[in-house]
Amino acid sequence: QVQLVESGGGLVQPGGSLRLACAASGFTFRYYVMHWYCQARGKERELVARIDKSGGVRDYSDSVKGRFTISRDNAKNTVYLQMNALRPEDSAVYYCYNPSVSAWGQGTQVIVSS
């Protein structure tokens, strides 16, 4: 059974940092591209970052480029999203996603507020 479990969200002040993690199980993690999405209240879910199987190729949305870093540890079956210089507009539920098997995690809430 494919399972993705996100963690690491929370309340942080503007300019702060958070590190999200997504633990994967039920599939051979190292064979798959992984994505992070976010969905703010009342908005569509949108792609934030993606990483290839080895971690050598990474893409970001324009809104997070230079502030967020996606990475993965294939030995731990985990993909990460390091979020720096957070802004109130980054507040959203963040999801990891395996596009090859269309599997979503349950999401982790990030709130950026003073």
N, C-alpha and C. Protein backbone atom coordinates (compact mmCIF):
# COMPACT_ATOMS: atom_id res chain seq x y z
N GLN A 1 0.85 -1.20 0.00
CA GLN A 1 0.00 0.00 0.00
C GLN A 1 0.88 1.24 0.00
N VAL A 2 0.68 2.10 -1.00
CA VAL A 2 1.45 3.32 -1.10
C VAL A 2 1.03 4.28 0.01
N GLN A 3 2.01 4.84 0.69
CA GLN A 3 1.70 5.80 1.75
C GLN A 3 2.74 6.91 1.74
N LEU A 4 2.26 8.15 1.88
CA LEU A 4 3.11 9.32 2.00
C LEU A 4 2.67 10.07 3.25
N VAL A 5 3.60 10.34 4.15
CA VAL A 5 3.26 10.98 5.41
C VAL A 5 4.15 12.21 5.59
N GLU A 6 3.51 13.39 5.54
CA GLU A 6 4.24 14.64 5.72
C GLU A 6 4.33 15.02 7.19
N SER A 7 5.37 15.77 7.52
CA SER A 7 5.55 16.30 8.86
C SER A 7 6.39 17.56 8.77
N GLY A 8 6.42 18.30 9.89
CA GLY A 8 7.30 19.47 9.97
C GLY A 8 6.62 20.81 9.84
N GLY A 9 5.33 20.83 9.56
CA GLY A 9 4.63 22.10 9.46
C GLY A 9 4.45 22.75 10.81
N GLY A 10 3.94 23.97 10.78
CA GLY A 10 3.70 24.68 12.03
C GLY A 10 3.55 26.16 11.81
N LEU A 11 3.60 26.90 12.92
CA LEU A 11 3.49 28.35 12.90
C LEU A 11 4.89 28.95 12.98
N VAL A 12 5.18 29.87 12.09
CA VAL A 12 6.50 30.49 12.06
C VAL A 12 6.33 31.97 11.72
N GLN A 13 7.22 32.78 12.22
CA GLN A 13 7.17 34.21 11.93
C GLN A 13 7.71 34.49 10.53
N PRO A 14 7.28 35.59 9.92
CA PRO A 14 7.85 35.97 8.62
C PRO A 14 9.37 36.07 8.70
N GLY A 15 10.03 35.54 7.68
CA GLY A 15 11.48 35.49 7.66
C GLY A 15 12.06 34.23 8.26
N GLY A 16 11.23 33.44 8.90
CA GLY A 16 11.68 32.22 9.54
C GLY A 16 11.82 31.06 8.57
N SER A 17 12.15 29.90 9.15
CA SER A 17 12.40 28.69 8.35
C SER A 17 11.64 27.50 8.92
N LEU A 18 11.34 26.59 8.03
CA LEU A 18 10.78 25.29 8.41
C LEU A 18 11.36 24.25 7.47
N ARG A 19 11.43 23.02 7.97
CA ARG A 19 11.84 21.91 7.12
C ARG A 19 10.74 20.86 7.14
N LEU A 20 10.14 20.66 5.99
CA LEU A 20 9.11 19.63 5.86
C LEU A 20 9.76 18.32 5.44
N ALA A 21 9.17 17.23 5.87
CA ALA A 21 9.62 15.90 5.47
C ALA A 21 8.43 15.09 5.01
N CYS A 22 8.67 14.20 4.08
CA CYS A 22 7.63 13.28 3.59
C CYS A 22 8.22 11.88 3.55
N ALA A 23 7.72 11.03 4.43
CA ALA A 23 8.18 9.65 4.49
C ALA A 23 7.32 8.78 3.59
N ALA A 24 7.98 8.04 2.70
CA ALA A 24 7.27 7.23 1.72
C ALA A 24 7.39 5.75 2.05
N SER A 25 6.36 5.00 1.73
CA SER A 25 6.38 3.55 1.88
C SER A 25 5.43 2.93 0.86
N GLY A 26 5.62 1.63 0.62
CA GLY A 26 4.74 0.92 -0.29
C GLY A 26 5.16 0.94 -1.74
N PHE A 27 6.29 1.59 -2.01
CA PHE A 27 6.83 1.57 -3.38
C PHE A 27 8.34 1.79 -3.28
N THR A 28 9.05 1.50 -4.36
CA THR A 28 10.50 1.63 -4.37
C THR A 28 10.85 3.10 -4.63
N PHE A 29 11.04 3.79 -3.54
CA PHE A 29 11.14 5.25 -3.53
C PHE A 29 12.19 5.75 -4.52
N ARG A 30 13.33 5.13 -4.60
CA ARG A 30 14.44 5.66 -5.38
C ARG A 30 14.16 5.64 -6.89
N TYR A 31 13.09 4.98 -7.30
CA TYR A 31 12.76 4.88 -8.72
C TYR A 31 11.87 6.02 -9.20
N TYR A 32 11.41 6.89 -8.28
CA TYR A 32 10.35 7.82 -8.64
C TYR A 32 10.71 9.28 -8.39
N VAL A 33 10.29 10.11 -9.36
CA VAL A 33 10.27 11.55 -9.18
C VAL A 33 9.28 11.89 -8.07
N MET A 34 9.60 12.90 -7.29
CA MET A 34 8.70 13.33 -6.22
C MET A 34 8.45 14.84 -6.32
N HIS A 35 7.26 15.23 -5.92
CA HIS A 35 6.85 16.63 -5.96
C HIS A 35 6.41 17.11 -4.59
N TRP A 36 6.50 18.42 -4.38
CA TRP A 36 5.83 19.11 -3.27
C TRP A 36 4.83 20.09 -3.90
N TYR A 37 3.61 20.08 -3.37
CA TYR A 37 2.57 21.02 -3.76
C TYR A 37 2.15 21.81 -2.53
N CYS A 38 1.49 22.94 -2.78
CA CYS A 38 0.86 23.67 -1.68
C CYS A 38 -0.54 24.09 -2.11
N GLN A 39 -1.40 24.23 -1.12
CA GLN A 39 -2.76 24.70 -1.38
C GLN A 39 -3.16 25.67 -0.28
N ALA A 40 -3.27 26.93 -0.65
CA ALA A 40 -3.74 27.95 0.28
C ALA A 40 -5.27 27.93 0.29
N ARG A 41 -5.82 28.44 1.36
CA ARG A 41 -7.27 28.43 1.52
C ARG A 41 -7.93 29.15 0.35
N GLY A 42 -8.88 28.50 -0.28
CA GLY A 42 -9.62 29.11 -1.36
C GLY A 42 -8.92 29.13 -2.70
N LYS A 43 -7.73 28.48 -2.76
CA LYS A 43 -6.96 28.48 -4.00
C LYS A 43 -6.75 27.06 -4.50
N GLU A 44 -6.32 26.98 -5.75
CA GLU A 44 -5.99 25.68 -6.35
C GLU A 44 -4.68 25.16 -5.76
N ARG A 45 -4.56 23.85 -5.76
CA ARG A 45 -3.29 23.23 -5.36
C ARG A 45 -2.26 23.51 -6.46
N GLU A 46 -1.06 23.93 -6.06
CA GLU A 46 -0.06 24.28 -7.07
C GLU A 46 1.29 23.64 -6.77
N LEU A 47 2.01 23.37 -7.84
CA LEU A 47 3.32 22.75 -7.71
C LEU A 47 4.33 23.74 -7.15
N VAL A 48 5.06 23.31 -6.14
CA VAL A 48 6.08 24.14 -5.51
C VAL A 48 7.47 23.73 -5.99
N ALA A 49 7.73 22.42 -5.96
CA ALA A 49 9.07 21.94 -6.33
C ALA A 49 8.99 20.47 -6.72
N ARG A 50 9.94 20.04 -7.52
CA ARG A 50 10.02 18.64 -7.88
C ARG A 50 11.49 18.22 -7.97
N ILE A 51 11.71 16.93 -7.79
CA ILE A 51 13.07 16.41 -7.76
C ILE A 51 13.09 15.07 -8.48
N ASP A 52 14.15 14.85 -9.24
CA ASP A 52 14.24 13.60 -9.98
C ASP A 52 14.67 12.47 -9.06
N LYS A 53 14.84 11.27 -9.65
CA LYS A 53 15.05 10.07 -8.85
C LYS A 53 16.32 10.14 -8.00
N SER A 54 17.36 10.71 -8.58
CA SER A 54 18.64 10.73 -7.87
C SER A 54 18.85 11.99 -7.05
N GLY A 55 17.99 12.99 -7.27
CA GLY A 55 18.18 14.27 -6.58
C GLY A 55 19.03 15.24 -7.34
N GLY A 56 19.47 14.88 -8.53
CA GLY A 56 20.35 15.74 -9.30
C GLY A 56 19.65 16.84 -10.06
N VAL A 57 18.36 16.69 -10.31
CA VAL A 57 17.60 17.69 -11.06
C VAL A 57 16.45 18.16 -10.19
N ARG A 58 16.37 19.46 -10.01
CA ARG A 58 15.34 20.05 -9.14
C ARG A 58 14.73 21.25 -9.86
N ASP A 59 13.43 21.40 -9.75
CA ASP A 59 12.72 22.55 -10.33
C ASP A 59 11.87 23.20 -9.26
N TYR A 60 11.68 24.51 -9.41
CA TYR A 60 10.91 25.27 -8.43
C TYR A 60 9.95 26.22 -9.12
N SER A 61 8.86 26.52 -8.44
CA SER A 61 8.00 27.58 -8.92
C SER A 61 8.72 28.91 -8.73
N ASP A 62 8.35 29.88 -9.53
CA ASP A 62 9.00 31.20 -9.44
C ASP A 62 8.82 31.82 -8.06
N SER A 63 7.71 31.54 -7.42
CA SER A 63 7.41 32.18 -6.14
C SER A 63 8.33 31.70 -5.01
N VAL A 64 8.95 30.54 -5.15
CA VAL A 64 9.79 30.00 -4.06
C VAL A 64 11.26 29.88 -4.45
N LYS A 65 11.56 30.11 -5.72
CA LYS A 65 12.93 29.95 -6.20
C LYS A 65 13.88 30.83 -5.39
N GLY A 66 14.96 30.24 -4.93
CA GLY A 66 15.93 30.98 -4.14
C GLY A 66 15.66 30.97 -2.64
N ARG A 67 14.45 30.50 -2.26
CA ARG A 67 14.09 30.46 -0.83
C ARG A 67 13.88 29.04 -0.34
N PHE A 68 13.34 28.18 -1.21
CA PHE A 68 13.04 26.80 -0.84
C PHE A 68 14.02 25.86 -1.53
N THR A 69 14.31 24.75 -0.86
CA THR A 69 15.18 23.72 -1.45
C THR A 69 14.54 22.35 -1.24
N ILE A 70 14.36 21.63 -2.33
CA ILE A 70 13.87 20.27 -2.26
C ILE A 70 15.07 19.32 -2.27
N SER A 71 14.98 18.27 -1.49
CA SER A 71 16.05 17.27 -1.46
C SER A 71 15.43 15.92 -1.12
N ARG A 72 16.23 14.88 -1.23
CA ARG A 72 15.72 13.55 -0.91
C ARG A 72 16.85 12.70 -0.36
N ASP A 73 16.46 11.73 0.46
CA ASP A 73 17.37 10.73 0.99
C ASP A 73 16.78 9.38 0.62
N ASN A 74 17.32 8.78 -0.42
CA ASN A 74 16.74 7.52 -0.91
C ASN A 74 16.98 6.37 0.07
N ALA A 75 17.98 6.49 0.92
CA ALA A 75 18.20 5.46 1.94
C ALA A 75 17.13 5.50 3.01
N LYS A 76 16.53 6.68 3.21
CA LYS A 76 15.50 6.85 4.24
C LYS A 76 14.10 6.95 3.63
N ASN A 77 14.00 6.83 2.30
CA ASN A 77 12.69 6.91 1.62
C ASN A 77 11.96 8.21 1.99
N THR A 78 12.69 9.30 1.99
CA THR A 78 12.14 10.58 2.45
C THR A 78 12.53 11.70 1.50
N VAL A 79 11.56 12.57 1.25
CA VAL A 79 11.81 13.79 0.50
C VAL A 79 11.56 14.97 1.43
N TYR A 80 12.38 16.00 1.28
CA TYR A 80 12.34 17.16 2.18
C TYR A 80 12.04 18.44 1.41
N LEU A 81 11.54 19.42 2.13
CA LEU A 81 11.41 20.76 1.59
C LEU A 81 11.91 21.73 2.66
N GLN A 82 13.08 22.28 2.42
CA GLN A 82 13.62 23.30 3.32
C GLN A 82 13.06 24.65 2.87
N MET A 83 12.39 25.33 3.78
CA MET A 83 11.71 26.58 3.47
C MET A 83 12.35 27.69 4.28
N ASN A 84 13.00 28.63 3.61
CA ASN A 84 13.65 29.76 4.27
C ASN A 84 12.98 31.07 3.85
N ALA A 85 13.26 32.10 4.60
CA ALA A 85 12.73 33.44 4.29
C ALA A 85 11.23 33.37 4.04
N LEU A 86 10.53 32.71 4.94
CA LEU A 86 9.10 32.49 4.75
C LEU A 86 8.31 33.80 4.79
N ARG A 87 7.27 33.83 3.98
CA ARG A 87 6.39 35.00 3.86
C ARG A 87 4.97 34.60 4.22
N PRO A 88 4.15 35.56 4.62
CA PRO A 88 2.75 35.22 4.93
C PRO A 88 2.05 34.52 3.76
N GLU A 89 2.41 34.88 2.55
CA GLU A 89 1.75 34.26 1.39
C GLU A 89 2.20 32.82 1.15
N ASP A 90 3.18 32.33 1.89
CA ASP A 90 3.56 30.92 1.83
C ASP A 90 2.64 30.05 2.68
N SER A 91 1.78 30.68 3.47
CA SER A 91 0.87 29.92 4.32
C SER A 91 -0.04 29.04 3.46
N ALA A 92 -0.06 27.76 3.78
CA ALA A 92 -0.81 26.79 2.98
C ALA A 92 -0.66 25.42 3.62
N VAL A 93 -1.42 24.48 3.10
CA VAL A 93 -1.18 23.07 3.40
C VAL A 93 -0.22 22.56 2.32
N TYR A 94 0.85 21.90 2.77
CA TYR A 94 1.86 21.38 1.86
C TYR A 94 1.73 19.87 1.75
N TYR A 95 1.75 19.39 0.52
CA TYR A 95 1.56 17.97 0.23
C TYR A 95 2.75 17.44 -0.56
N CYS A 96 3.15 16.23 -0.29
CA CYS A 96 4.06 15.57 -1.21
C CYS A 96 3.23 14.66 -2.12
N TYR A 97 3.81 14.39 -3.28
CA TYR A 97 3.05 13.71 -4.34
C TYR A 97 3.98 12.87 -5.19
N ASN A 98 3.56 11.66 -5.45
CA ASN A 98 4.23 10.79 -6.41
C ASN A 98 3.41 10.80 -7.69
N PRO A 99 3.86 11.48 -8.72
CA PRO A 99 3.04 11.62 -9.93
C PRO A 99 2.88 10.32 -10.71
N SER A 100 3.79 9.40 -10.55
CA SER A 100 3.72 8.16 -11.34
C SER A 100 2.60 7.24 -10.86
N VAL A 101 2.31 7.30 -9.57
CA VAL A 101 1.24 6.45 -9.02
C VAL A 101 0.08 7.29 -8.49
N SER A 102 0.15 8.59 -8.73
CA SER A 102 -0.92 9.52 -8.31
C SER A 102 -1.24 9.39 -6.83
N ALA A 103 -0.18 9.37 -6.02
CA ALA A 103 -0.37 9.23 -4.57
C ALA A 103 -0.07 10.54 -3.87
N TRP A 104 -0.98 10.95 -2.99
CA TRP A 104 -0.83 12.17 -2.20
C TRP A 104 -0.67 11.82 -0.72
N GLY A 105 0.06 12.66 -0.01
CA GLY A 105 0.05 12.58 1.43
C GLY A 105 -1.15 13.32 1.98
N GLN A 106 -1.25 13.34 3.33
CA GLN A 106 -2.40 13.99 3.97
C GLN A 106 -2.19 15.48 4.13
N GLY A 107 -0.95 15.93 3.95
CA GLY A 107 -0.63 17.35 4.05
C GLY A 107 -0.17 17.75 5.42
N THR A 108 0.61 18.84 5.44
CA THR A 108 1.04 19.45 6.70
C THR A 108 0.84 20.96 6.58
N GLN A 109 0.27 21.55 7.61
CA GLN A 109 -0.11 22.97 7.58
C GLN A 109 1.09 23.85 7.92
N VAL A 110 1.29 24.87 7.10
CA VAL A 110 2.30 25.90 7.38
C VAL A 110 1.57 27.24 7.50
N ILE A 111 1.81 27.91 8.62
CA ILE A 111 1.24 29.24 8.84
C ILE A 111 2.38 30.20 9.11
N VAL A 112 2.46 31.23 8.30
CA VAL A 112 3.50 32.25 8.46
C VAL A 112 2.81 33.52 8.92
N SER A 113 3.05 33.87 10.17
CA SER A 113 2.35 35.01 10.75
C SER A 113 3.12 35.55 11.94
N SER A 114 3.02 36.85 12.14
CA SER A 114 3.63 37.45 13.31
C SER A 114 2.62 37.56 14.45
